[in-house]
N, C-alpha and C. Protein backbone atom coordinates (compact mmCIF):
# COMPACT_ATOMS: atom_id res chain seq x y z
N UNK A 1 0.73 -7.88 15.51
CA UNK A 1 1.50 -7.04 16.38
C UNK A 1 1.66 -5.69 15.70
N UNK A 2 1.55 -4.61 16.45
CA UNK A 2 1.70 -3.26 15.91
C UNK A 2 2.70 -2.51 16.79
N UNK A 3 3.72 -1.95 16.18
CA UNK A 3 4.75 -1.20 16.90
C UNK A 3 4.96 0.14 16.23
N UNK A 4 5.23 1.16 17.03
CA UNK A 4 5.60 2.47 16.50
C UNK A 4 7.11 2.53 16.38
N UNK A 5 7.60 2.73 15.16
CA UNK A 5 9.05 2.78 14.96
C UNK A 5 9.61 4.15 15.28
N UNK A 6 8.95 5.18 14.82
CA UNK A 6 9.42 6.55 15.02
C UNK A 6 8.25 7.37 15.55
N UNK A 7 8.25 7.68 16.83
CA UNK A 7 7.15 8.38 17.47
C UNK A 7 7.13 9.87 17.15
N UNK A 8 6.01 10.49 17.42
CA UNK A 8 5.81 11.92 17.21
C UNK A 8 6.79 12.72 18.06
N UNK A 9 7.39 13.74 17.46
CA UNK A 9 8.31 14.68 18.10
C UNK A 9 9.65 14.06 18.49
N UNK A 10 9.94 12.87 18.05
CA UNK A 10 11.25 12.26 18.28
C UNK A 10 12.11 12.48 17.04
N UNK A 11 13.39 12.74 17.22
CA UNK A 11 14.25 12.90 16.04
C UNK A 11 14.34 11.60 15.25
N UNK A 12 14.46 11.72 13.96
CA UNK A 12 14.55 10.55 13.09
C UNK A 12 15.91 9.88 13.28
N UNK A 13 15.95 8.65 13.74
CA UNK A 13 17.24 7.99 13.99
C UNK A 13 17.91 7.53 12.70
N UNK A 14 19.19 7.27 12.77
CA UNK A 14 19.95 6.78 11.63
C UNK A 14 19.53 5.35 11.25
N UNK A 15 19.27 4.52 12.23
CA UNK A 15 18.84 3.16 11.96
C UNK A 15 17.98 2.65 13.11
N UNK A 16 17.21 1.64 12.83
CA UNK A 16 16.33 1.04 13.83
C UNK A 16 16.57 -0.47 13.81
N UNK A 17 16.84 -1.04 14.96
CA UNK A 17 17.09 -2.48 15.06
C UNK A 17 15.87 -3.15 15.67
N UNK A 18 15.35 -4.14 14.97
CA UNK A 18 14.22 -4.92 15.45
C UNK A 18 14.70 -6.35 15.66
N UNK A 19 14.37 -6.92 16.80
CA UNK A 19 14.73 -8.31 17.05
C UNK A 19 13.47 -9.14 17.22
N UNK A 20 13.49 -10.32 16.65
CA UNK A 20 12.36 -11.24 16.71
C UNK A 20 12.90 -12.58 17.20
N UNK A 21 13.30 -12.64 18.45
CA UNK A 21 13.97 -13.84 18.96
C UNK A 21 13.02 -14.99 19.30
N UNK A 22 11.71 -14.79 19.24
CA UNK A 22 10.78 -15.88 19.54
C UNK A 22 10.31 -16.59 18.28
N UNK A 23 10.68 -16.07 17.11
CA UNK A 23 10.27 -16.69 15.85
C UNK A 23 11.36 -17.66 15.40
N UNK A 24 10.98 -18.91 15.23
CA UNK A 24 11.95 -19.93 14.83
C UNK A 24 11.86 -20.27 13.36
N UNK A 25 10.85 -19.76 12.66
CA UNK A 25 10.71 -20.03 11.23
C UNK A 25 10.68 -18.71 10.46
N UNK A 26 10.72 -18.80 9.14
CA UNK A 26 10.69 -17.61 8.31
C UNK A 26 9.37 -16.87 8.49
N UNK A 27 9.41 -15.56 8.39
CA UNK A 27 8.21 -14.74 8.51
C UNK A 27 8.43 -13.47 7.71
N UNK A 28 7.39 -12.69 7.56
CA UNK A 28 7.49 -11.41 6.88
C UNK A 28 6.76 -10.35 7.68
N UNK A 29 7.12 -9.11 7.45
CA UNK A 29 6.42 -8.01 8.11
C UNK A 29 6.32 -6.85 7.14
N UNK A 30 5.35 -6.00 7.37
CA UNK A 30 5.10 -4.83 6.53
C UNK A 30 5.29 -3.58 7.35
N UNK A 31 5.85 -2.57 6.73
CA UNK A 31 6.03 -1.27 7.37
C UNK A 31 5.22 -0.26 6.58
N UNK A 32 4.44 0.54 7.28
CA UNK A 32 3.62 1.54 6.60
C UNK A 32 3.52 2.81 7.42
N UNK A 33 2.96 3.82 6.79
CA UNK A 33 2.73 5.09 7.46
C UNK A 33 1.44 5.00 8.27
N UNK A 34 1.40 5.66 9.40
CA UNK A 34 0.20 5.70 10.21
C UNK A 34 0.20 6.93 11.09
N UNK A 35 -0.96 7.31 11.52
CA UNK A 35 -1.13 8.44 12.44
C UNK A 35 -0.41 9.69 11.94
N UNK A 36 -0.79 10.14 10.75
CA UNK A 36 -0.19 11.34 10.16
C UNK A 36 -1.08 12.57 10.34
N UNK A 37 -2.05 12.50 11.24
CA UNK A 37 -3.00 13.59 11.44
C UNK A 37 -2.34 14.88 11.90
N UNK A 38 -1.19 14.80 12.56
CA UNK A 38 -0.53 16.00 13.07
C UNK A 38 0.22 16.77 11.98
N UNK A 39 0.36 16.19 10.77
CA UNK A 39 1.05 16.86 9.67
C UNK A 39 0.06 17.62 8.80
N UNK A 40 0.53 18.73 8.23
CA UNK A 40 -0.34 19.46 7.30
C UNK A 40 -0.23 18.80 5.92
N UNK A 41 -1.15 19.10 5.00
CA UNK A 41 -1.15 18.43 3.68
C UNK A 41 0.16 18.59 2.91
N UNK A 42 0.83 19.71 3.05
CA UNK A 42 2.10 19.93 2.35
C UNK A 42 3.17 18.94 2.83
N UNK A 43 3.17 18.63 4.11
CA UNK A 43 4.17 17.71 4.67
C UNK A 43 3.92 16.25 4.30
N UNK A 44 2.71 15.91 3.92
CA UNK A 44 2.40 14.52 3.58
C UNK A 44 2.55 14.24 2.09
N UNK A 45 2.92 15.23 1.30
CA UNK A 45 3.10 15.02 -0.15
C UNK A 45 4.35 14.22 -0.43
């Protein structure tokens, strides 16, 4: 599953709530950066 947490041109929120109500056992997830093409090299440092 892939979800966008903070979309382009949206203000950065104070917190993000994710619910996983269909999972009945332990699981893990990874968060990473993606789609940074709109930023210049200085902004990605």
